[in-house]
Amino acid sequence: MAPAKVADRAGGSVGMPAALKLNEFGSLVWGVFGWPPYQVGSSLVSKTWRDVDVRVILDDADYEAWGLGDPVHPWQNEKWIGLVRAFSALGAEMTGLPIDFQIQQQSYANEKFPGARNAVGIVPLRFAERQAT
């Protein structure tokens, strides 16, 4: 199955300057997990949303290496719970938005959640650091 399409609007429908703050949060998440997070869900396509869904989609080997448990029932894994709660709170503090942060296994996410994805964390500083090294 092909990966979900990637949306082409930075920050979706969260508005400015929240979209800039969301990208700063995304850059931090990217640095921790080694993969860019994605904004998904209703905040990506609508001005009416309850929260901002942010997902880190780890390839299957990385998901297993992190020890995050069963990708179908990740909420039964203490490490997954701790990371999700911590990054949801950090995202909310950094952006002022109600962040719903979760970590997903790539094969499971591609199969079960085929909606649009918008990569967040693409900020100039991230690329300047990579070019300098």
C-alpha atoms as a PDB file:
ATOM      1  CA  MET A   1       0.000   0.000   0.000  1.00  0.00           C
ATOM      2  CA  ALA A   2       1.300   3.463  -0.886  1.00  0.00           C
ATOM      3  CA  PRO A   3       1.952   5.907   1.947  1.00  0.00           C
ATOM      4  CA  ALA A   4      -0.680   8.501   2.698  1.00  0.00           C
ATOM      5  CA  LYS A   5      -0.508  11.671   0.667  1.00  0.00           C
ATOM      6  CA  VAL A   6       1.265  14.618   2.227  1.00  0.00           C
ATOM      7  CA  ALA A   7      -0.613  17.879   2.466  1.00  0.00           C
ATOM      8  CA  ASP A   8       1.016  20.990   1.077  1.00  0.00           C
ATOM      9  CA  ARG A   9      -0.081  23.603   3.613  1.00  0.00           C
ATOM     10  CA  ALA A  10       2.301  24.468   6.447  1.00  0.00           C
ATOM     11  CA  GLY A  11       0.377  24.316   9.684  1.00  0.00           C
ATOM     12  CA  GLY A  12      -2.927  23.367   8.069  1.00  0.00           C
ATOM     13  CA  SER A  13      -5.753  25.408   9.536  1.00  0.00           C
ATOM     14  CA  VAL A  14      -4.194  26.460  12.836  1.00  0.00           C
ATOM     15  CA  GLY A  15      -3.388  29.958  11.540  1.00  0.00           C
ATOM     16  CA  MET A  16      -0.416  32.219  12.158  1.00  0.00           C
ATOM     17  CA  PRO A  17       1.657  32.500  14.275  1.00  0.00           C
ATOM     18  CA  ALA A  18       0.503  29.099  15.601  1.00  0.00           C
ATOM     19  CA  ALA A  19       1.765  27.391  12.427  1.00  0.00           C
ATOM     20  CA  LEU A  20       5.251  28.805  13.058  1.00  0.00           C
ATOM     21  CA  LYS A  21       5.149  27.586  16.649  1.00  0.00           C
ATOM     22  CA  LEU A  22       3.917  24.169  15.500  1.00  0.00           C
ATOM     23  CA  ASN A  23       6.926  23.900  13.197  1.00  0.00           C
ATOM     24  CA  GLU A  24       9.291  24.809  16.055  1.00  0.00           C
ATOM     25  CA  PHE A  25       7.727  22.032  18.129  1.00  0.00           C
ATOM     26  CA  GLY A  26       7.994  19.676  15.168  1.00  0.00           C
ATOM     27  CA  SER A  27      11.685  20.464  14.762  1.00  0.00           C
ATOM     28  CA  LEU A  28      12.319  19.527  18.382  1.00  0.00           C
ATOM     29  CA  VAL A  29      10.358  16.268  17.977  1.00  0.00           C
ATOM     30  CA  TRP A  30      12.287  15.485  14.798  1.00  0.00           C
ATOM     31  CA  GLY A  31      15.537  15.928  16.689  1.00  0.00           C
ATOM     32  CA  VAL A  32      14.466  13.468  19.382  1.00  0.00           C
ATOM     33  CA  PHE A  33      13.002  10.728  17.194  1.00  0.00           C
ATOM     34  CA  GLY A  34      15.043  11.184  14.028  1.00  0.00           C
ATOM     35  CA  TRP A  35      11.908  11.425  11.887  1.00  0.00           C
ATOM     36  CA  PRO A  36       9.731  14.460  11.127  1.00  0.00           C
ATOM     37  CA  PRO A  37       6.335  14.468  12.810  1.00  0.00           C
ATOM     38  CA  TYR A  38       3.137  14.994  10.847  1.00  0.00           C
ATOM     39  CA  GLN A  39       0.087  17.089  11.476  1.00  0.00           C
ATOM     40  CA  VAL A  40      -2.936  14.927  10.660  1.00  0.00           C
ATOM     41  CA  GLY A  41      -6.663  14.969  11.279  1.00  0.00           C
ATOM     42  CA  SER A  42      -9.274  17.699  11.294  1.00  0.00           C
ATOM     43  CA  SER A  43      -6.918  20.617  12.073  1.00  0.00           C
ATOM     44  CA  LEU A  44      -5.198  19.925   8.769  1.00  0.00           C
ATOM     45  CA  VAL A  45      -8.292  20.309   6.627  1.00  0.00           C
ATOM     46  CA  SER A  46     -10.844  22.325   8.607  1.00  0.00           C
ATOM     47  CA  LYS A  47     -11.088  25.507  10.618  1.00  0.00           C
ATOM     48  CA  THR A  48     -13.305  23.594  13.077  1.00  0.00           C
ATOM     49  CA  TRP A  49     -11.211  21.239  15.216  1.00  0.00           C
ATOM     50  CA  ARG A  50     -11.000  20.083  18.815  1.00  0.00           C
ATOM     51  CA  ASP A  51      -7.259  19.444  18.952  1.00  0.00           C
ATOM     52  CA  VAL A  52      -4.189  19.334  16.734  1.00  0.00           C
ATOM     53  CA  ASP A  53      -3.118  15.784  15.964  1.00  0.00           C
ATOM     54  CA  VAL A  54       0.653  15.373  15.656  1.00  0.00           C
ATOM     55  CA  ARG A  55       2.082  11.954  14.826  1.00  0.00           C
ATOM     56  CA  VAL A  56       5.613  10.620  14.706  1.00  0.00           C
ATOM     57  CA  ILE A  57       5.594   7.665  12.346  1.00  0.00           C
ATOM     58  CA  LEU A  58       8.618   5.483  13.012  1.00  0.00           C
ATOM     59  CA  ASP A  59       9.709   2.814  10.581  1.00  0.00           C
ATOM     60  CA  ASP A  60       8.948  -0.638  11.942  1.00  0.00           C
ATOM     61  CA  ALA A  61      12.520  -1.351  13.092  1.00  0.00           C
ATOM     62  CA  ASP A  62      12.786   1.977  14.962  1.00  0.00           C
ATOM     63  CA  TYR A  63       9.355   1.490  16.546  1.00  0.00           C
ATOM     64  CA  GLU A  64      10.494  -1.890  17.872  1.00  0.00           C
ATOM     65  CA  ALA A  65      13.891  -0.511  18.968  1.00  0.00           C
ATOM     66  CA  TRP A  66      12.141   2.194  21.008  1.00  0.00           C
ATOM     67  CA  GLY A  67      10.239  -0.578  22.818  1.00  0.00           C
ATOM     68  CA  LEU A  68       6.812   0.968  22.306  1.00  0.00           C
ATOM     69  CA  GLY A  69       4.850  -2.273  22.363  1.00  0.00           C
ATOM     70  CA  ASP A  70       1.970  -3.480  20.216  1.00  0.00           C
ATOM     71  CA  PRO A  71       1.213  -0.826  17.565  1.00  0.00           C
ATOM     72  CA  VAL A  72      -2.487  -1.795  17.700  1.00  0.00           C
ATOM     73  CA  HIS A  73      -2.687  -1.211  21.481  1.00  0.00           C
ATOM     74  CA  PRO A  74       0.177   1.187  22.272  1.00  0.00           C
ATOM     75  CA  TRP A  75      -1.664   2.696  25.256  1.00  0.00           C
ATOM     76  CA  GLN A  76      -0.822  -0.550  27.108  1.00  0.00           C
ATOM     77  CA  ASN A  77       2.902   0.327  27.022  1.00  0.00           C
ATOM     78  CA  GLU A  78       4.268   2.572  29.794  1.00  0.00           C
ATOM     79  CA  LYS A  79       7.049   4.040  27.643  1.00  0.00           C
ATOM     80  CA  TRP A  80       4.556   4.968  24.890  1.00  0.00           C
ATOM     81  CA  ILE A  81       2.220   6.538  27.473  1.00  0.00           C
ATOM     82  CA  GLY A  82       5.019   8.573  29.055  1.00  0.00           C
ATOM     83  CA  LEU A  83       6.341   9.868  25.742  1.00  0.00           C
ATOM     84  CA  VAL A  84       2.873  10.700  24.443  1.00  0.00           C
ATOM     85  CA  ARG A  85       1.883  12.569  27.595  1.00  0.00           C
ATOM     86  CA  ALA A  86       5.188  14.433  27.815  1.00  0.00           C
ATOM     87  CA  PHE A  87       5.249  15.538  24.177  1.00  0.00           C
ATOM     88  CA  SER A  88       1.544  16.448  24.192  1.00  0.00           C
ATOM     89  CA  ALA A  89       2.168  18.731  27.183  1.00  0.00           C
ATOM     90  CA  LEU A  90       5.361  20.183  25.693  1.00  0.00           C
ATOM     91  CA  GLY A  91       3.610  20.807  22.369  1.00  0.00           C
ATOM     92  CA  ALA A  92       0.739  22.561  24.101  1.00  0.00           C
ATOM     93  CA  GLU A  93       3.154  24.738  26.059  1.00  0.00           C
ATOM     94  CA  MET A  94       5.264  25.609  23.020  1.00  0.00           C
ATOM     95  CA  THR A  95       2.387  26.303  20.635  1.00  0.00           C
ATOM     96  CA  GLY A  96      -0.585  27.328  22.778  1.00  0.00           C
ATOM     97  CA  LEU A  97      -2.565  24.666  20.886  1.00  0.00           C
ATOM     98  CA  PRO A  98      -4.266  21.547  22.288  1.00  0.00           C
ATOM     99  CA  ILE A  99      -1.749  19.009  20.965  1.00  0.00           C
ATOM    100  CA  ASP A 100      -2.672  15.312  20.658  1.00  0.00           C
ATOM    101  CA  PHE A 101       0.756  13.736  20.143  1.00  0.00           C
ATOM    102  CA  GLN A 102       1.143  10.046  19.361  1.00  0.00           C
ATOM    103  CA  ILE A 103       3.809   7.689  18.063  1.00  0.00           C
ATOM    104  CA  GLN A 104       2.845   5.178  15.377  1.00  0.00           C
ATOM    105  CA  GLN A 105       4.507   2.250  13.633  1.00  0.00           C
ATOM    106  CA  GLN A 106       4.870   3.019   9.917  1.00  0.00           C
ATOM    107  CA  SER A 107       3.299  -0.125   8.455  1.00  0.00           C
ATOM    108  CA  TYR A 108       0.346   0.102  10.844  1.00  0.00           C
ATOM    109  CA  ALA A 109      -0.139   3.846  10.266  1.00  0.00           C
ATOM    110  CA  ASN A 110      -0.025   3.470   6.484  1.00  0.00           C
ATOM    111  CA  GLU A 111      -2.573   0.648   6.578  1.00  0.00           C
ATOM    112  CA  LYS A 112      -5.031   2.103   9.112  1.00  0.00           C
ATOM    113  CA  PHE A 113      -4.698   5.884   8.686  1.00  0.00           C
ATOM    114  CA  PRO A 114      -4.514   6.769   4.975  1.00  0.00           C
ATOM    115  CA  GLY A 115      -5.511  10.437   5.358  1.00  0.00           C
ATOM    116  CA  ALA A 116      -3.439  13.487   4.482  1.00  0.00           C
ATOM    117  CA  ARG A 117      -0.236  14.222   6.398  1.00  0.00           C
ATOM    118  CA  ASN A 118       1.600  17.512   6.697  1.00  0.00           C
ATOM    119  CA  ALA A 119       5.240  17.273   7.798  1.00  0.00           C
ATOM    120  CA  VAL A 120       5.994  19.757  10.571  1.00  0.00           C
ATOM    121  CA  GLY A 121       9.363  20.793  11.899  1.00  0.00           C
ATOM    122  CA  ILE A 122      10.723  22.091   8.632  1.00  0.00           C
ATOM    123  CA  VAL A 123      12.392  25.259   9.858  1.00  0.00           C
ATOM    124  CA  PRO A 124      15.473  26.988   8.387  1.00  0.00           C
ATOM    125  CA  LEU A 125      17.591  26.374  11.504  1.00  0.00           C
ATOM    126  CA  ARG A 126      17.175  22.593  11.147  1.00  0.00           C
ATOM    127  CA  PHE A 127      18.588  22.685   7.614  1.00  0.00           C
ATOM    128  CA  ALA A 128      21.344  25.174   8.443  1.00  0.00           C
ATOM    129  CA  GLU A 129      22.622  22.827  11.181  1.00  0.00           C
ATOM    130  CA  ARG A 130      22.618  19.833   8.851  1.00  0.00           C
ATOM    131  CA  GLN A 131      24.564  21.675   6.139  1.00  0.00           C
ATOM    132  CA  ALA A 132      27.189  22.844   8.646  1.00  0.00           C
ATOM    133  CA  THR A 133      28.035  19.294   9.776  1.00  0.00           C
END
